[in-house]
Amino acid sequence: MALFRRGTAGKPGEWYYCIKHQKVEEGPECRAADRLGPYASPEEAARAIETSRERNEQWRNDPRWRDEEPPATG
């Protein structure tokens, strides 16, 4: 008896973008490591790469995540 199931996870009605196959998929078609999502619609899933780029850019410019040293006082 296997301890870990080697399958896909997800449900029909959930939409994903598979980065391996570069396509929108409904439910558990590809393994979770190759998917972005879930998304509410196929249109949202189709924008997954663009959404990811936009979020990365926002995080890069977020002052709360800068590794800069604070100015010296005194």
N, C-alpha and C. Protein backbone atom coordinates (compact mmCIF):
# COMPACT_ATOMS: atom_id res chain seq x y z
N MET A 1 0.85 -1.18 0.00
CA MET A 1 0.00 0.00 0.00
C MET A 1 0.89 1.24 0.00
N ALA A 2 0.66 2.12 -0.93
CA ALA A 2 1.46 3.33 -1.05
C ALA A 2 1.04 4.35 0.00
N LEU A 3 2.04 5.04 0.54
CA LEU A 3 1.74 6.07 1.52
C LEU A 3 1.29 7.36 0.86
N PHE A 4 1.84 7.64 -0.32
CA PHE A 4 1.50 8.88 -1.02
C PHE A 4 0.92 8.54 -2.38
N ARG A 5 -0.18 9.17 -2.68
CA ARG A 5 -0.81 8.99 -3.97
C ARG A 5 -0.12 9.85 -5.00
N ARG A 6 0.23 9.30 -6.13
CA ARG A 6 0.86 10.07 -7.20
C ARG A 6 -0.20 10.39 -8.22
N GLY A 7 -0.96 11.39 -7.95
CA GLY A 7 -2.00 11.79 -8.87
C GLY A 7 -2.11 13.30 -8.91
N THR A 8 -3.12 13.74 -9.60
CA THR A 8 -3.36 15.17 -9.69
C THR A 8 -4.39 15.55 -8.66
N ALA A 9 -4.40 16.81 -8.26
CA ALA A 9 -5.38 17.30 -7.31
C ALA A 9 -6.13 18.45 -7.95
N GLY A 10 -7.38 18.55 -7.67
CA GLY A 10 -8.21 19.60 -8.23
C GLY A 10 -9.60 19.05 -8.47
N LYS A 11 -10.50 19.91 -8.84
CA LYS A 11 -11.88 19.50 -9.04
C LYS A 11 -12.38 20.02 -10.38
N PRO A 12 -13.28 19.30 -11.01
CA PRO A 12 -13.92 19.86 -12.20
C PRO A 12 -14.60 21.17 -11.84
N GLY A 13 -14.54 22.14 -12.72
CA GLY A 13 -15.11 23.46 -12.45
C GLY A 13 -14.05 24.44 -11.97
N GLU A 14 -12.88 23.93 -11.60
CA GLU A 14 -11.74 24.78 -11.27
C GLU A 14 -10.86 24.85 -12.52
N TRP A 15 -10.38 26.02 -12.81
CA TRP A 15 -9.59 26.22 -14.02
C TRP A 15 -8.14 26.49 -13.67
N TYR A 16 -7.24 25.93 -14.43
CA TYR A 16 -5.81 26.04 -14.20
C TYR A 16 -5.11 26.40 -15.51
N TYR A 17 -3.90 26.94 -15.36
CA TYR A 17 -3.04 27.13 -16.53
C TYR A 17 -1.85 26.21 -16.34
N CYS A 18 -1.65 25.29 -17.27
CA CYS A 18 -0.53 24.36 -17.21
C CYS A 18 0.68 25.02 -17.87
N ILE A 19 1.74 25.26 -17.07
CA ILE A 19 2.93 25.90 -17.62
C ILE A 19 3.75 24.93 -18.47
N LYS A 20 3.58 23.66 -18.26
CA LYS A 20 4.31 22.65 -19.05
C LYS A 20 3.75 22.57 -20.46
N HIS A 21 2.43 22.51 -20.57
CA HIS A 21 1.77 22.37 -21.88
C HIS A 21 1.30 23.71 -22.45
N GLN A 22 1.41 24.78 -21.64
CA GLN A 22 1.00 26.12 -22.03
C GLN A 22 -0.44 26.15 -22.54
N LYS A 23 -1.33 25.63 -21.68
CA LYS A 23 -2.75 25.63 -22.04
C LYS A 23 -3.62 25.68 -20.78
N VAL A 24 -4.86 26.10 -20.98
CA VAL A 24 -5.85 26.15 -19.91
C VAL A 24 -6.45 24.76 -19.76
N GLU A 25 -6.62 24.33 -18.51
CA GLU A 25 -7.18 23.01 -18.23
C GLU A 25 -8.26 23.13 -17.17
N GLU A 26 -9.26 22.28 -17.27
CA GLU A 26 -10.29 22.23 -16.25
C GLU A 26 -10.04 21.03 -15.35
N GLY A 27 -10.02 21.29 -14.05
CA GLY A 27 -9.85 20.20 -13.10
C GLY A 27 -8.46 19.60 -13.12
N PRO A 28 -8.35 18.38 -12.64
CA PRO A 28 -7.04 17.75 -12.45
C PRO A 28 -6.51 17.04 -13.69
N GLU A 29 -5.96 17.79 -14.62
CA GLU A 29 -5.37 17.15 -15.79
C GLU A 29 -3.88 16.93 -15.60
N CYS A 30 -3.14 17.95 -15.19
CA CYS A 30 -1.70 17.84 -15.00
C CYS A 30 -1.37 17.92 -13.51
N ARG A 31 -0.14 17.54 -13.18
CA ARG A 31 0.26 17.55 -11.77
C ARG A 31 0.33 18.98 -11.24
N ALA A 32 0.13 19.11 -9.96
CA ALA A 32 0.03 20.43 -9.32
C ALA A 32 1.29 21.27 -9.52
N ALA A 33 2.46 20.65 -9.58
CA ALA A 33 3.71 21.40 -9.75
C ALA A 33 3.79 22.11 -11.09
N ASP A 34 2.98 21.69 -12.05
CA ASP A 34 3.00 22.27 -13.40
C ASP A 34 1.84 23.24 -13.64
N ARG A 35 1.03 23.52 -12.61
CA ARG A 35 -0.17 24.34 -12.81
C ARG A 35 -0.14 25.61 -12.01
N LEU A 36 -0.81 26.64 -12.53
CA LEU A 36 -1.12 27.86 -11.80
C LEU A 36 -2.62 27.86 -11.61
N GLY A 37 -3.07 28.22 -10.44
CA GLY A 37 -4.50 28.27 -10.20
C GLY A 37 -4.83 27.66 -8.85
N PRO A 38 -6.08 27.50 -8.56
CA PRO A 38 -7.23 27.51 -9.47
C PRO A 38 -7.75 28.92 -9.72
N TYR A 39 -8.41 29.06 -10.84
CA TYR A 39 -9.07 30.29 -11.25
C TYR A 39 -10.55 30.01 -11.43
N ALA A 40 -11.35 31.07 -11.35
CA ALA A 40 -12.81 30.94 -11.42
C ALA A 40 -13.32 30.70 -12.84
N SER A 41 -12.53 31.08 -13.84
CA SER A 41 -13.00 30.94 -15.23
C SER A 41 -11.82 30.60 -16.14
N PRO A 42 -12.12 30.08 -17.32
CA PRO A 42 -11.04 29.79 -18.27
C PRO A 42 -10.34 31.07 -18.73
N GLU A 43 -11.06 32.19 -18.76
CA GLU A 43 -10.46 33.46 -19.17
C GLU A 43 -9.40 33.92 -18.15
N GLU A 44 -9.73 33.77 -16.86
CA GLU A 44 -8.76 34.12 -15.83
C GLU A 44 -7.54 33.21 -15.90
N ALA A 45 -7.76 31.93 -16.12
CA ALA A 45 -6.65 30.98 -16.23
C ALA A 45 -5.77 31.30 -17.43
N ALA A 46 -6.37 31.76 -18.52
CA ALA A 46 -5.60 32.10 -19.72
C ALA A 46 -4.67 33.28 -19.46
N ARG A 47 -5.00 34.13 -18.49
CA ARG A 47 -4.16 35.29 -18.14
C ARG A 47 -3.18 34.98 -17.03
N ALA A 48 -3.03 33.73 -16.64
CA ALA A 48 -2.23 33.36 -15.47
C ALA A 48 -0.80 33.87 -15.53
N ILE A 49 -0.14 33.75 -16.65
CA ILE A 49 1.25 34.21 -16.77
C ILE A 49 1.31 35.73 -16.65
N GLU A 50 0.39 36.41 -17.31
CA GLU A 50 0.35 37.88 -17.23
C GLU A 50 0.06 38.33 -15.79
N THR A 51 -0.89 37.68 -15.14
CA THR A 51 -1.22 38.00 -13.75
C THR A 51 -0.01 37.78 -12.85
N SER A 52 0.69 36.70 -13.08
CA SER A 52 1.88 36.40 -12.30
C SER A 52 2.96 37.47 -12.48
N ARG A 53 3.17 37.90 -13.71
CA ARG A 53 4.16 38.96 -13.98
C ARG A 53 3.77 40.27 -13.30
N GLU A 54 2.48 40.61 -13.36
CA GLU A 54 2.00 41.83 -12.73
C GLU A 54 2.22 41.79 -11.21
N ARG A 55 1.91 40.66 -10.60
CA ARG A 55 2.10 40.52 -9.15
C ARG A 55 3.57 40.57 -8.78
N ASN A 56 4.42 39.93 -9.57
CA ASN A 56 5.86 39.97 -9.30
C ASN A 56 6.37 41.40 -9.34
N GLU A 57 5.91 42.17 -10.32
CA GLU A 57 6.33 43.56 -10.44
C GLU A 57 5.87 44.38 -9.23
N GLN A 58 4.65 44.16 -8.79
CA GLN A 58 4.14 44.85 -7.60
C GLN A 58 4.98 44.51 -6.38
N TRP A 59 5.32 43.25 -6.21
CA TRP A 59 6.11 42.83 -5.06
C TRP A 59 7.53 43.40 -5.13
N ARG A 60 8.11 43.44 -6.34
CA ARG A 60 9.45 44.00 -6.50
C ARG A 60 9.51 45.47 -6.08
N ASN A 61 8.42 46.18 -6.29
CA ASN A 61 8.37 47.61 -5.99
C ASN A 61 7.72 47.93 -4.65
N ASP A 62 7.38 46.92 -3.87
CA ASP A 62 6.75 47.13 -2.57
C ASP A 62 7.83 47.48 -1.54
N PRO A 63 7.77 48.67 -0.95
CA PRO A 63 8.82 49.07 0.00
C PRO A 63 8.92 48.17 1.23
N ARG A 64 7.86 47.43 1.54
CA ARG A 64 7.92 46.53 2.70
C ARG A 64 8.85 45.34 2.47
N TRP A 65 9.21 45.07 1.21
CA TRP A 65 10.03 43.91 0.89
C TRP A 65 11.42 44.29 0.42
N ARG A 66 11.85 45.48 0.65
CA ARG A 66 13.19 45.92 0.25
C ARG A 66 14.21 45.43 1.28
N ASP A 67 15.38 45.06 0.81
CA ASP A 67 16.45 44.61 1.70
C ASP A 67 17.46 45.72 1.98
N GLU A 68 17.07 46.94 1.71
CA GLU A 68 17.98 48.07 1.92
C GLU A 68 18.12 48.35 3.41
N GLU A 69 19.29 48.80 3.77
CA GLU A 69 19.55 49.18 5.17
C GLU A 69 18.86 50.51 5.46
N PRO A 70 18.27 50.66 6.65
CA PRO A 70 17.68 51.96 7.00
C PRO A 70 18.78 53.00 7.14
N PRO A 71 18.47 54.26 6.93
CA PRO A 71 19.49 55.32 7.06
C PRO A 71 20.03 55.38 8.49
N ALA A 72 21.32 55.64 8.60
CA ALA A 72 21.97 55.73 9.93
C ALA A 72 21.52 57.01 10.64
N THR A 73 21.28 56.89 11.91
CA THR A 73 20.89 58.07 12.71
C THR A 73 22.03 58.42 13.64
N GLY A 74 22.12 59.70 13.90
CA GLY A 74 23.03 60.07 14.92
C GLY A 74 24.21 60.78 14.63
